[in-house]
Amino acid sequence: MTDDRYLPGGPSRRLVKEVRSHLWRYGIRPRGKGWRLAWHWAAEIGSSYFRFRWPLPWEIASQYILLMLCEMKEGRSLRLPYRADQVQPEAVQNMFPEEALLEIPRLKSDAK
């Protein structure tokens, strides 16, 4: 929290609090390199406008989550069990589109 004063782009306390609040709803406690990188990315987006404008809090939170997923994939820890796509409750099936946007490696395919 004290490091929030030194985030790239100098966001307001209110904006940082709103982004943290959005992430906390999902049980995510942001910190570290990914947190700073998400703010750097958001500051770059903000400066791409004619007049500087921060992205919305949930957009910055989404950027942070995407960066964490990339970090997990890089560390080879973004995997689902082999049978995860074969045994899905109907509620889970309804959440995914016909064509998956992200290809998540399965444990069995890593053994090849």
Protein backbone atom coordinates (compact mmCIF):
# COMPACT_ATOMS: atom_id res chain seq x y z
CA MET A 1 0.00 0.00 0.00
CA THR A 2 2.83 2.40 0.79
CA ASP A 3 4.42 1.49 -2.56
CA ASP A 4 1.27 2.72 -4.33
CA ARG A 5 2.65 6.26 -4.08
CA TYR A 6 5.39 5.25 -6.53
CA LEU A 7 3.26 3.55 -9.18
CA PRO A 8 4.04 4.52 -12.79
CA GLY A 9 2.00 7.46 -14.02
CA GLY A 10 1.22 8.72 -10.52
CA PRO A 11 -2.39 7.52 -10.24
CA SER A 12 -4.65 9.08 -7.62
CA ARG A 13 -5.27 7.25 -4.36
CA ARG A 14 -8.92 6.96 -5.30
CA LEU A 15 -8.15 5.20 -8.60
CA VAL A 16 -5.72 2.77 -6.94
CA LYS A 17 -8.29 2.04 -4.25
CA GLU A 18 -10.99 1.37 -6.85
CA VAL A 19 -8.74 -1.02 -8.79
CA ARG A 20 -7.75 -2.86 -5.60
CA SER A 21 -11.40 -3.00 -4.55
CA HIS A 22 -12.37 -4.55 -7.87
CA LEU A 23 -9.64 -7.20 -7.56
CA TRP A 24 -10.47 -7.90 -3.91
CA ARG A 25 -14.00 -8.91 -4.94
CA TYR A 26 -12.35 -11.90 -6.60
CA GLY A 27 -9.98 -12.62 -3.74
CA ILE A 28 -6.96 -11.12 -5.51
CA ARG A 29 -4.44 -9.12 -3.47
CA PRO A 30 -2.28 -7.36 -6.09
CA ARG A 31 1.40 -6.72 -5.45
CA GLY A 32 4.85 -7.06 -6.93
CA LYS A 33 6.19 -6.73 -10.42
CA GLY A 34 2.88 -7.51 -12.15
CA TRP A 35 1.11 -4.78 -10.18
CA ARG A 36 3.64 -2.15 -11.22
CA LEU A 37 3.66 -3.44 -14.80
CA ALA A 38 -0.14 -3.19 -15.01
CA TRP A 39 0.06 0.46 -13.93
CA HIS A 40 2.86 1.16 -16.40
CA TRP A 41 0.70 -0.34 -19.15
CA ALA A 42 -2.31 1.71 -18.00
CA ALA A 43 -0.21 4.89 -17.97
CA GLU A 44 0.94 4.18 -21.54
CA ILE A 45 -2.69 3.73 -22.59
CA GLY A 46 -3.63 6.96 -20.83
CA SER A 47 -0.88 8.89 -22.56
CA SER A 48 -1.95 7.59 -25.98
CA TYR A 49 -4.97 9.90 -25.86
CA PHE A 50 -4.77 13.54 -26.95
CA ARG A 51 -5.44 14.47 -23.34
CA PHE A 52 -4.19 12.01 -20.70
CA ARG A 53 -6.98 9.76 -19.43
CA TRP A 54 -6.62 6.72 -17.18
CA PRO A 55 -8.39 3.51 -18.21
CA LEU A 56 -11.37 2.55 -16.05
CA PRO A 57 -10.62 0.71 -12.77
CA TRP A 58 -11.96 -2.65 -13.99
CA GLU A 59 -9.92 -2.32 -17.18
CA ILE A 60 -6.72 -1.87 -15.16
CA ALA A 61 -7.76 -4.82 -12.97
CA SER A 62 -8.28 -6.91 -16.12
CA GLN A 63 -4.81 -5.96 -17.33
CA TYR A 64 -3.35 -7.11 -14.01
CA ILE A 65 -5.18 -10.45 -14.22
CA LEU A 66 -3.99 -10.96 -17.80
CA LEU A 67 -0.40 -10.26 -16.73
CA MET A 68 -0.74 -12.80 -13.89
CA LEU A 69 -2.06 -15.43 -16.32
CA CYS A 70 0.90 -14.75 -18.63
CA GLU A 71 3.26 -15.09 -15.68
CA MET A 72 1.64 -18.40 -14.73
CA LYS A 73 1.93 -19.67 -18.31
CA GLU A 74 5.57 -18.63 -18.47
CA GLY A 75 6.22 -20.51 -15.22
CA ARG A 76 4.42 -23.54 -16.68
CA SER A 77 1.83 -23.45 -13.90
CA LEU A 78 -1.18 -22.51 -16.04
CA ARG A 79 -2.61 -25.98 -16.60
CA LEU A 80 -5.88 -27.81 -16.26
CA PRO A 81 -6.24 -31.50 -15.46
CA TYR A 82 -6.29 -33.76 -18.52
CA ARG A 83 -10.00 -34.57 -18.18
CA ALA A 84 -11.08 -30.97 -17.43
CA ASP A 85 -12.47 -30.50 -20.94
CA GLN A 86 -14.24 -33.89 -20.92
CA VAL A 87 -15.95 -33.63 -17.54
CA GLN A 88 -17.59 -30.22 -17.18
CA PRO A 89 -20.77 -29.25 -15.38
CA GLU A 90 -23.32 -27.60 -17.66
CA ALA A 91 -22.86 -24.25 -15.88
CA VAL A 92 -19.14 -24.34 -16.76
CA GLN A 93 -19.84 -25.28 -20.38
CA ASN A 94 -22.17 -22.30 -20.73
CA MET A 95 -19.41 -19.92 -19.63
CA PHE A 96 -17.08 -20.84 -22.50
CA PRO A 97 -17.64 -19.87 -26.13
CA GLU A 98 -17.62 -22.54 -28.83
CA GLU A 99 -14.06 -21.62 -29.80
CA ALA A 100 -11.78 -21.07 -26.84
CA LEU A 101 -9.85 -17.80 -26.93
CA LEU A 102 -7.03 -19.07 -24.74
CA GLU A 103 -5.43 -22.43 -25.25
CA ILE A 104 -4.51 -23.76 -21.81
CA PRO A 105 -2.02 -26.64 -21.80
CA ARG A 106 -3.17 -29.92 -20.26
CA LEU A 107 -1.01 -32.09 -18.01
CA LYS A 108 -0.99 -35.06 -20.38
CA SER A 109 0.09 -32.97 -23.39
CA ASP A 110 3.11 -31.73 -21.42
CA ALA A 111 4.35 -35.30 -21.01
CA LYS A 112 4.87 -35.76 -24.77
